[in-house]
Amino acid sequence: MMMGKVYKVTAFAASGEKLLDESISAENDQQAKISGESLLKEKKLLEQTHRCTSPTGKLILFHR
């Protein structure tokens, strides 16, 4: 069962291909940013273009 708000983490290759598209649950934006970075690090995608967005569409984390 998911608790908190649902955030979306996506990562892209230079070609624009989507490498990661996962939902994570967090209580707030700061927790979502930490969880998103952790997920990207685990998947070895931290250096790829990535973003994490809040349920309202707010950009929480971005790297190009």
N, C-alpha and C. Protein backbone atom coordinates (compact mmCIF):
# COMPACT_ATOMS: atom_id res chain seq x y z
N MET A 1 0.84 -1.19 0.00
CA MET A 1 0.00 0.00 0.00
C MET A 1 0.88 1.25 0.00
N MET A 2 0.61 2.17 -0.89
CA MET A 2 1.41 3.38 -1.00
C MET A 2 0.90 4.43 -0.02
N MET A 3 1.84 5.10 0.63
CA MET A 3 1.50 6.16 1.57
C MET A 3 2.00 7.48 1.00
N GLY A 4 1.37 8.56 1.42
CA GLY A 4 1.84 9.86 0.96
C GLY A 4 1.36 10.19 -0.43
N LYS A 5 2.06 11.12 -1.05
CA LYS A 5 1.73 11.57 -2.40
C LYS A 5 2.54 10.77 -3.41
N VAL A 6 2.02 10.66 -4.62
CA VAL A 6 2.72 9.91 -5.67
C VAL A 6 3.47 10.89 -6.58
N TYR A 7 4.78 10.69 -6.67
CA TYR A 7 5.66 11.49 -7.51
C TYR A 7 6.13 10.63 -8.68
N LYS A 8 6.50 11.27 -9.77
CA LYS A 8 6.94 10.55 -10.97
C LYS A 8 8.41 10.85 -11.23
N VAL A 9 9.21 9.79 -11.39
CA VAL A 9 10.64 9.93 -11.70
C VAL A 9 10.87 9.39 -13.10
N THR A 10 11.45 10.22 -13.97
CA THR A 10 11.75 9.78 -15.33
C THR A 10 13.20 10.13 -15.66
N ALA A 11 13.82 9.28 -16.49
CA ALA A 11 15.19 9.51 -16.96
C ALA A 11 15.22 9.22 -18.45
N PHE A 12 16.06 9.96 -19.16
CA PHE A 12 16.10 9.87 -20.62
C PHE A 12 17.53 9.71 -21.13
N ALA A 13 17.67 8.99 -22.24
CA ALA A 13 18.94 8.90 -22.95
C ALA A 13 19.09 10.17 -23.78
N ALA A 14 20.29 10.44 -24.27
CA ALA A 14 20.54 11.62 -25.11
C ALA A 14 19.65 11.61 -26.35
N SER A 15 19.28 10.43 -26.81
CA SER A 15 18.42 10.28 -28.00
C SER A 15 16.97 10.64 -27.71
N GLY A 16 16.64 10.80 -26.42
CA GLY A 16 15.27 11.09 -26.04
C GLY A 16 14.51 9.85 -25.58
N GLU A 17 15.14 8.68 -25.73
CA GLU A 17 14.51 7.43 -25.29
C GLU A 17 14.32 7.44 -23.77
N LYS A 18 13.15 7.03 -23.32
CA LYS A 18 12.86 6.99 -21.89
C LYS A 18 13.53 5.76 -21.29
N LEU A 19 14.41 5.96 -20.31
CA LEU A 19 15.14 4.87 -19.67
C LEU A 19 14.48 4.44 -18.36
N LEU A 20 13.75 5.35 -17.75
CA LEU A 20 13.10 5.07 -16.46
C LEU A 20 11.82 5.88 -16.39
N ASP A 21 10.77 5.25 -15.92
CA ASP A 21 9.48 5.92 -15.74
C ASP A 21 8.79 5.23 -14.56
N GLU A 22 9.08 5.72 -13.36
CA GLU A 22 8.56 5.06 -12.16
C GLU A 22 7.87 6.05 -11.24
N SER A 23 6.89 5.54 -10.52
CA SER A 23 6.21 6.33 -9.50
C SER A 23 6.82 6.00 -8.15
N ILE A 24 6.98 7.02 -7.34
CA ILE A 24 7.45 6.82 -5.97
C ILE A 24 6.48 7.53 -5.03
N SER A 25 6.43 7.09 -3.81
CA SER A 25 5.55 7.69 -2.82
C SER A 25 6.39 8.45 -1.80
N ALA A 26 5.96 9.65 -1.46
CA ALA A 26 6.68 10.46 -0.47
C ALA A 26 5.70 11.37 0.24
N GLU A 27 6.06 11.75 1.46
CA GLU A 27 5.21 12.63 2.27
C GLU A 27 5.27 14.08 1.80
N ASN A 28 6.44 14.48 1.24
CA ASN A 28 6.61 15.87 0.81
C ASN A 28 7.66 15.96 -0.30
N ASP A 29 7.83 17.15 -0.84
CA ASP A 29 8.76 17.37 -1.96
C ASP A 29 10.20 17.02 -1.61
N GLN A 30 10.63 17.38 -0.41
CA GLN A 30 12.02 17.11 -0.01
C GLN A 30 12.28 15.61 0.06
N GLN A 31 11.35 14.88 0.65
CA GLN A 31 11.49 13.42 0.74
C GLN A 31 11.48 12.81 -0.67
N ALA A 32 10.64 13.34 -1.54
CA ALA A 32 10.56 12.84 -2.92
C ALA A 32 11.87 13.07 -3.66
N LYS A 33 12.49 14.23 -3.43
CA LYS A 33 13.77 14.54 -4.07
C LYS A 33 14.85 13.53 -3.64
N ILE A 34 14.91 13.26 -2.34
CA ILE A 34 15.88 12.30 -1.80
C ILE A 34 15.62 10.90 -2.34
N SER A 35 14.36 10.48 -2.32
CA SER A 35 13.99 9.15 -2.83
C SER A 35 14.26 9.03 -4.32
N GLY A 36 13.96 10.09 -5.06
CA GLY A 36 14.19 10.09 -6.51
C GLY A 36 15.67 9.97 -6.84
N GLU A 37 16.51 10.73 -6.13
CA GLU A 37 17.96 10.65 -6.36
C GLU A 37 18.48 9.27 -6.00
N SER A 38 17.95 8.70 -4.95
CA SER A 38 18.36 7.37 -4.51
C SER A 38 18.00 6.31 -5.57
N LEU A 39 16.80 6.42 -6.11
CA LEU A 39 16.36 5.49 -7.17
C LEU A 39 17.24 5.63 -8.41
N LEU A 40 17.53 6.86 -8.80
CA LEU A 40 18.37 7.10 -9.98
C LEU A 40 19.79 6.57 -9.77
N LYS A 41 20.32 6.74 -8.56
CA LYS A 41 21.66 6.24 -8.23
C LYS A 41 21.67 4.71 -8.31
N GLU A 42 20.65 4.09 -7.74
CA GLU A 42 20.52 2.63 -7.73
C GLU A 42 20.46 2.07 -9.16
N LYS A 43 19.78 2.78 -10.05
CA LYS A 43 19.64 2.34 -11.45
C LYS A 43 20.79 2.83 -12.33
N LYS A 44 21.77 3.52 -11.70
CA LYS A 44 22.91 4.09 -12.42
C LYS A 44 22.48 5.07 -13.53
N LEU A 45 21.50 5.91 -13.20
CA LEU A 45 20.97 6.88 -14.16
C LEU A 45 21.13 8.32 -13.67
N LEU A 46 21.89 8.53 -12.61
CA LEU A 46 22.03 9.86 -12.02
C LEU A 46 22.66 10.86 -12.97
N GLU A 47 23.51 10.40 -13.89
CA GLU A 47 24.16 11.31 -14.84
C GLU A 47 23.35 11.51 -16.13
N GLN A 48 22.26 10.76 -16.28
CA GLN A 48 21.39 10.93 -17.44
C GLN A 48 20.46 12.13 -17.18
N THR A 49 19.86 12.64 -18.24
CA THR A 49 18.84 13.66 -18.07
C THR A 49 17.70 13.03 -17.28
N HIS A 50 17.28 13.68 -16.19
CA HIS A 50 16.20 13.12 -15.38
C HIS A 50 15.39 14.22 -14.71
N ARG A 51 14.23 13.81 -14.22
CA ARG A 51 13.37 14.75 -13.51
C ARG A 51 12.47 13.98 -12.54
N CYS A 52 12.02 14.70 -11.54
CA CYS A 52 11.02 14.18 -10.61
C CYS A 52 9.96 15.25 -10.50
N THR A 53 8.71 14.85 -10.69
CA THR A 53 7.61 15.81 -10.62
C THR A 53 6.62 15.42 -9.53
N SER A 54 6.02 16.43 -8.95
CA SER A 54 5.04 16.24 -7.88
C SER A 54 3.68 15.89 -8.48
N PRO A 55 2.73 15.49 -7.64
CA PRO A 55 1.37 15.19 -8.14
C PRO A 55 0.72 16.39 -8.83
N THR A 56 1.16 17.61 -8.49
CA THR A 56 0.59 18.81 -9.12
C THR A 56 1.39 19.26 -10.34
N GLY A 57 2.44 18.50 -10.68
CA GLY A 57 3.24 18.83 -11.86
C GLY A 57 4.45 19.70 -11.57
N LYS A 58 4.68 20.01 -10.31
CA LYS A 58 5.83 20.83 -9.91
C LYS A 58 7.13 20.04 -10.11
N LEU A 59 8.13 20.70 -10.68
CA LEU A 59 9.43 20.08 -10.91
C LEU A 59 10.21 20.09 -9.59
N ILE A 60 10.51 18.90 -9.06
CA ILE A 60 11.17 18.77 -7.77
C ILE A 60 12.68 18.57 -7.97
N LEU A 61 13.02 17.84 -9.03
CA LEU A 61 14.39 17.47 -9.29
C LEU A 61 14.59 17.49 -10.80
N PHE A 62 15.71 18.07 -11.25
CA PHE A 62 15.96 18.11 -12.70
C PHE A 62 17.46 18.12 -12.95
N HIS A 63 17.87 17.34 -13.93
CA HIS A 63 19.28 17.32 -14.33
C HIS A 63 19.32 17.11 -15.83
N ARG A 64 20.15 17.93 -16.53
CA ARG A 64 20.24 17.81 -17.98
C ARG A 64 21.65 17.54 -18.38
